[in-house]
Amino acid sequence: MMQLVGLGMGTWNIGEDPKKKKSEIAALRYGLDNGVKIIDTAEMYGEGKSEKLVGEAIKGYDRSQMYIISKFYPYHATPELERKSLEASLERLGTDYIDLYLLHWRGAHRLSDTIRGLQELQEEGLIRNWGVSNFDTADMQELFSVPGGRDCFANEDLYNLDKRGVEYDLLPWQEENKVNFIGYSPFNSGSGDTIRVTQNLKMVARNHHVTPHQIMLAWTMRSGRILTIPKAGNIKHMQENIEAQDIKLTEDDLCLINSDFPVPTEKQPLAVI
């Protein structure tokens, strides 16, 4: 199984403000030019505006050298509607296939129908792999009980310093069952809320000569086993994200961080933005 790990580029809220378009495209291209090959988007983001902007940003690049993830609405999770959603996404992105296509969150449609539709799209080469998003452990177990469910390639959930409940049971389950884990909103900014910058975080950042936000991002990548997808709307932010890949947190750093943001010791409801 190909492993999705390290740093990708998130695009939530990107492409919605025409005044920011130039800066957002420049940031994505800077990422691509500097080794960040994974872009995560969704039909929901700006009702297609994010995908459209990604499509503009990747024009002229070698498609085979990048990895594009997109998602479809739960109310489009039937074979017929998945196909319609995918065709619209492909047009906006200006590509003829998507590397990973995710059910954005659970809805009312039967998982067996959703999987059947995704299998057809995969057989036709329109998508390379499929997966889910905002699924908890029980959802994943149910998915695996449905015919074809074990072919799920990835699950994308909220994961950051402040929201680390998935470490208790979901991350170990996915590792055991060889399902890639993608963590979104590493800064928790998607909720309009940000992670508190504690004295310990500042101390760890000072020791590494980086910003507290770079420590937050490095922390999500510390295991080398998950993919994190921060958004960057300008080149400076993208540069900082890229630099965070080189930060190696020590056991002492992790102890300081854990004292402010404790390791989960019991099952927690899945955090979602």
Protein backbone atom coordinates (compact mmCIF):
# COMPACT_ATOMS: atom_id res chain seq x y z
CA MET A 1 0.00 0.00 0.00
CA MET A 2 1.25 3.46 -0.88
CA GLN A 3 1.60 5.48 2.30
CA LEU A 4 0.31 9.02 2.51
CA VAL A 5 2.63 10.72 4.97
CA GLY A 6 4.20 14.09 5.67
CA LEU A 7 2.97 17.40 4.33
CA GLY A 8 0.20 18.18 1.88
CA MET A 9 -1.65 21.38 0.98
CA GLY A 10 -5.17 22.05 2.21
CA THR A 11 -7.50 24.38 0.31
CA TRP A 12 -10.47 25.02 2.58
CA ASN A 13 -11.61 28.68 2.10
CA ILE A 14 -9.19 29.10 -0.78
CA GLY A 15 -10.54 30.44 -4.07
CA GLU A 16 -13.46 32.31 -2.53
CA ASP A 17 -12.07 35.86 -2.50
CA PRO A 18 -11.02 37.20 -5.93
CA LYS A 19 -8.62 39.66 -4.23
CA LYS A 20 -6.63 36.75 -2.76
CA LYS A 21 -6.56 34.63 -5.91
CA LYS A 22 -3.09 35.65 -7.11
CA SER A 23 -1.52 35.05 -3.71
CA GLU A 24 -3.29 31.67 -3.26
CA ILE A 25 -2.21 30.38 -6.67
CA ALA A 26 1.36 31.55 -5.97
CA ALA A 27 1.34 29.67 -2.64
CA LEU A 28 0.15 26.40 -4.22
CA ARG A 29 2.74 26.69 -6.99
CA TYR A 30 5.47 27.45 -4.47
CA GLY A 31 4.48 24.26 -2.65
CA LEU A 32 4.57 22.20 -5.86
CA ASP A 33 7.94 23.72 -6.82
CA ASN A 34 9.34 22.82 -3.41
CA GLY A 35 8.37 19.19 -3.14
CA VAL A 36 4.83 19.32 -1.70
CA LYS A 37 2.94 17.20 -4.20
CA ILE A 38 -0.35 16.47 -2.40
CA ILE A 39 -3.30 18.86 -2.72
CA ASP A 40 -6.53 18.29 -0.78
CA THR A 41 -9.78 19.91 -1.90
CA ALA A 42 -13.55 19.20 -2.06
CA GLU A 43 -16.64 20.03 -4.07
CA MET A 44 -18.00 21.66 -0.90
CA TYR A 45 -15.18 24.21 -0.57
CA GLY A 46 -16.66 27.41 -1.94
CA GLU A 47 -19.12 25.24 -3.91
CA GLY A 48 -16.39 24.34 -6.40
CA LYS A 49 -14.37 27.58 -6.24
CA SER A 50 -11.50 25.87 -4.43
CA GLU A 51 -11.26 23.12 -7.06
CA LYS A 52 -11.35 25.75 -9.81
CA LEU A 53 -8.45 27.63 -8.23
CA VAL A 54 -6.47 24.39 -7.80
CA GLY A 55 -7.12 23.68 -11.49
CA GLU A 56 -5.61 27.05 -12.42
CA ALA A 57 -2.65 26.58 -10.08
CA ILE A 58 -1.65 23.16 -11.48
CA LYS A 59 -1.92 24.16 -15.14
CA GLY A 60 1.38 23.48 -16.86
CA TYR A 61 2.63 21.07 -14.20
CA ASP A 62 3.24 17.37 -14.81
CA ARG A 63 0.02 15.78 -13.55
CA SER A 64 1.74 12.47 -12.84
CA GLN A 65 3.99 14.21 -10.31
CA MET A 66 1.16 15.42 -8.09
CA TYR A 67 -1.47 13.73 -5.95
CA ILE A 68 -4.95 15.27 -5.88
CA ILE A 69 -7.54 14.46 -3.22
CA SER A 70 -11.14 15.65 -3.50
CA LYS A 71 -14.37 14.90 -1.66
CA PHE A 72 -18.06 14.60 -2.48
CA TYR A 73 -21.10 15.52 -0.40
CA PRO A 74 -22.88 12.73 1.56
CA TYR A 75 -26.09 13.48 -0.35
CA HIS A 76 -24.20 12.68 -3.57
CA ALA A 77 -23.14 9.27 -2.24
CA THR A 78 -25.00 7.06 -4.74
CA PRO A 79 -23.41 5.61 -7.90
CA GLU A 80 -25.24 8.02 -10.21
CA LEU A 81 -24.65 11.16 -8.14
CA GLU A 82 -21.02 10.29 -7.32
CA ARG A 83 -20.35 10.14 -11.03
CA LYS A 84 -21.97 13.55 -11.58
CA SER A 85 -19.99 15.06 -8.70
CA LEU A 86 -16.76 13.56 -9.96
CA GLU A 87 -17.31 14.77 -13.53
CA ALA A 88 -17.91 18.31 -12.27
CA SER A 89 -14.81 18.14 -10.05
CA LEU A 90 -12.65 16.83 -12.90
CA GLU A 91 -13.80 19.68 -15.12
CA ARG A 92 -13.05 22.32 -12.47
CA LEU A 93 -9.65 20.77 -11.74
CA GLY A 94 -8.79 20.40 -15.41
CA THR A 95 -7.68 16.78 -15.02
CA ASP A 96 -9.00 13.42 -16.20
CA TYR A 97 -8.58 11.54 -12.91
CA ILE A 98 -8.45 12.10 -9.16
CA ASP A 99 -5.90 10.20 -7.09
CA LEU A 100 -8.10 9.86 -3.99
CA TYR A 101 -11.85 10.49 -3.80
CA LEU A 102 -13.42 10.75 -0.36
CA LEU A 103 -16.95 10.63 1.06
CA HIS A 104 -16.85 13.94 2.97
CA TRP A 105 -18.85 12.69 5.97
CA ARG A 106 -21.49 10.07 6.68
CA GLY A 107 -24.96 10.65 5.33
CA ALA A 108 -28.23 8.81 4.82
CA HIS A 109 -27.17 6.69 1.83
CA ARG A 110 -26.16 3.08 2.36
CA LEU A 111 -22.43 2.51 2.46
CA SER A 112 -22.85 -0.46 0.11
CA ASP A 113 -24.26 1.86 -2.61
CA THR A 114 -21.53 4.42 -2.03
CA ILE A 115 -18.81 1.77 -2.35
CA ARG A 116 -20.39 0.26 -5.47
CA GLY A 117 -20.31 3.65 -7.20
CA LEU A 118 -16.71 4.28 -6.16
CA GLN A 119 -15.63 0.85 -7.38
CA GLU A 120 -17.11 1.60 -10.82
CA LEU A 121 -15.28 4.93 -11.02
CA GLN A 122 -12.07 3.21 -9.96
CA GLU A 123 -12.46 0.46 -12.56
CA GLU A 124 -12.85 3.12 -15.25
CA GLY A 125 -9.66 4.87 -14.10
CA LEU A 126 -11.48 8.08 -13.18
CA ILE A 127 -10.25 7.72 -9.61
CA ARG A 128 -7.17 5.84 -8.45
CA ASN A 129 -8.36 5.18 -4.89
CA TRP A 130 -11.32 6.01 -2.65
CA GLY A 131 -11.77 6.70 1.03
CA VAL A 132 -13.81 8.49 3.67
CA SER A 133 -13.62 11.53 5.90
CA ASN A 134 -14.89 12.33 9.41
CA PHE A 135 -15.31 8.61 10.21
CA ASP A 136 -14.73 7.37 13.75
CA THR A 137 -13.59 3.87 14.74
CA ALA A 138 -17.12 2.40 14.83
CA ASP A 139 -17.80 3.90 11.37
CA MET A 140 -14.61 2.36 10.02
CA GLN A 141 -15.50 -1.02 11.51
CA GLU A 142 -18.94 -0.83 9.91
CA LEU A 143 -17.35 0.17 6.59
CA PHE A 144 -15.07 -2.88 6.77
CA SER A 145 -18.09 -5.14 7.27
CA VAL A 146 -19.62 -4.02 3.94
CA PRO A 147 -18.53 -5.80 0.71
CA GLY A 148 -15.58 -3.86 -0.75
CA GLY A 149 -15.22 -1.73 2.38
CA ARG A 150 -11.76 -3.08 3.14
CA ASP A 151 -10.50 -1.36 -0.01
CA CYS A 152 -10.86 2.00 1.75
CA PHE A 153 -7.51 3.71 1.15
CA ALA A 154 -7.72 6.57 3.66
CA ASN A 155 -9.79 8.32 6.31
CA GLU A 156 -9.42 12.08 6.84
CA ASP A 157 -10.21 13.49 10.30
CA LEU A 158 -9.53 16.57 12.40
CA TYR A 159 -6.15 16.18 14.11
CA ASN A 160 -4.08 18.73 15.97
CA LEU A 161 -2.55 19.41 19.40
CA ASP A 162 -5.89 20.42 20.84
CA LYS A 163 -7.92 17.65 19.20
CA ARG A 164 -5.98 14.43 19.61
CA GLY A 165 -8.76 12.01 20.62
CA VAL A 166 -8.12 9.86 17.52
CA GLU A 167 -4.86 8.71 19.11
CA TYR A 168 -6.79 6.65 21.65
CA ASP A 169 -8.35 4.11 19.30
CA LEU A 170 -8.81 5.30 15.71
CA LEU A 171 -5.15 5.80 14.77
CA PRO A 172 -4.08 2.38 16.11
CA TRP A 173 -7.07 0.75 14.35
CA GLN A 174 -6.22 2.36 11.02
CA GLU A 175 -2.58 1.42 11.33
CA GLU A 176 -3.48 -2.18 12.10
CA ASN A 177 -5.90 -2.30 9.16
CA LYS A 178 -3.58 -0.45 6.77
CA VAL A 179 -5.83 2.56 6.16
CA ASN A 180 -3.97 5.84 5.64
CA PHE A 181 -4.76 8.65 8.09
CA ILE A 182 -5.02 12.24 6.86
CA GLY A 183 -5.24 14.93 9.54
CA TYR A 184 -6.98 18.18 8.65
CA SER A 185 -6.79 21.62 10.36
CA PRO A 186 -3.43 21.16 12.14
CA PHE A 187 -3.85 24.67 13.58
CA ASN A 188 -7.56 24.16 14.38
CA SER A 189 -8.20 27.32 12.38
CA GLY A 190 -11.06 25.82 10.39
CA SER A 191 -13.35 26.37 13.35
CA GLY A 192 -12.44 30.05 13.58
CA ASP A 193 -10.66 29.04 16.73
CA THR A 194 -6.93 28.68 17.22
CA ILE A 195 -4.84 26.55 19.53
CA ARG A 196 -3.66 28.45 22.56
CA VAL A 197 0.03 29.28 22.42
CA THR A 198 1.27 28.20 25.85
CA GLN A 199 4.59 29.10 27.52
CA ASN A 200 5.78 25.55 26.88
CA LEU A 201 4.99 25.83 23.18
CA LYS A 202 6.90 29.11 23.05
CA MET A 203 9.85 27.50 24.83
CA VAL A 204 9.97 24.55 22.43
CA ALA A 205 9.70 26.97 19.48
CA ARG A 206 12.56 29.11 20.83
CA ASN A 207 14.76 26.04 21.28
CA HIS A 208 14.25 25.14 17.62
CA HIS A 209 14.43 28.79 16.39
CA VAL A 210 10.99 28.48 14.77
CA THR A 211 7.45 29.76 15.43
CA PRO A 212 4.94 28.05 17.75
CA HIS A 213 2.78 27.32 14.69
CA GLN A 214 5.67 25.48 13.06
CA ILE A 215 5.94 23.38 16.22
CA MET A 216 2.19 22.61 16.05
CA LEU A 217 2.64 21.45 12.48
CA ALA A 218 5.81 19.45 13.16
CA TRP A 219 3.99 17.79 16.05
CA THR A 220 1.30 16.41 13.71
CA MET A 221 4.03 14.88 11.51
CA ARG A 222 6.16 13.55 14.37
CA SER A 223 5.29 9.85 13.89
CA GLY A 224 6.13 9.78 10.18
CA ARG A 225 2.91 7.82 9.66
CA ILE A 226 0.25 10.43 8.86
CA LEU A 227 -0.40 13.11 6.27
CA THR A 228 -1.21 16.63 7.49
CA ILE A 229 -2.81 19.20 5.17
CA PRO A 230 -2.46 22.79 6.41
CA LYS A 231 -3.87 25.58 4.28
CA ALA A 232 -1.48 28.29 3.12
CA GLY A 233 -2.89 31.32 1.35
CA ASN A 234 0.45 33.02 0.68
CA ILE A 235 4.05 32.09 -0.07
CA LYS A 236 5.39 33.08 3.37
CA HIS A 237 2.96 30.74 5.12
CA MET A 238 3.78 27.96 2.65
CA GLN A 239 7.52 28.44 3.26
CA GLU A 240 6.96 28.12 7.02
CA ASN A 241 4.92 24.94 6.52
CA ILE A 242 7.66 23.43 4.36
CA GLU A 243 10.36 24.32 6.90
CA ALA A 244 8.34 22.60 9.65
CA GLN A 245 9.09 19.27 7.97
CA ASP A 246 12.69 19.51 9.16
CA ILE A 247 11.86 20.00 12.85
CA LYS A 248 12.67 16.92 14.92
CA LEU A 249 10.92 17.09 18.28
CA THR A 250 12.80 15.51 21.19
CA GLU A 251 11.32 13.47 24.05
CA ASP A 252 11.75 16.56 26.26
CA ASP A 253 9.85 18.69 23.75
CA LEU A 254 7.02 16.15 23.67
CA CYS A 255 6.85 16.02 27.48
CA LEU A 256 6.48 19.79 27.63
CA ILE A 257 3.79 19.73 24.94
CA ASN A 258 1.93 16.81 26.55
CA SER A 259 1.77 18.66 29.85
CA ASP A 260 -0.38 21.34 28.16
CA PHE A 261 -2.15 19.12 25.62
CA PRO A 262 -2.54 15.72 27.32
CA VAL A 263 -2.46 12.34 25.62
CA PRO A 264 -6.05 10.97 25.56
CA THR A 265 -6.59 8.25 28.17
CA GLU A 266 -10.16 7.33 27.22
CA LYS A 267 -12.43 7.28 24.21
CA GLN A 268 -13.57 10.76 23.11
CA PRO A 269 -16.31 11.69 20.64
CA LEU A 270 -14.83 12.33 17.20
CA ALA A 271 -13.98 16.03 16.86
CA VAL A 272 -15.22 17.53 13.60
CA ILE A 273 -15.11 20.99 12.03
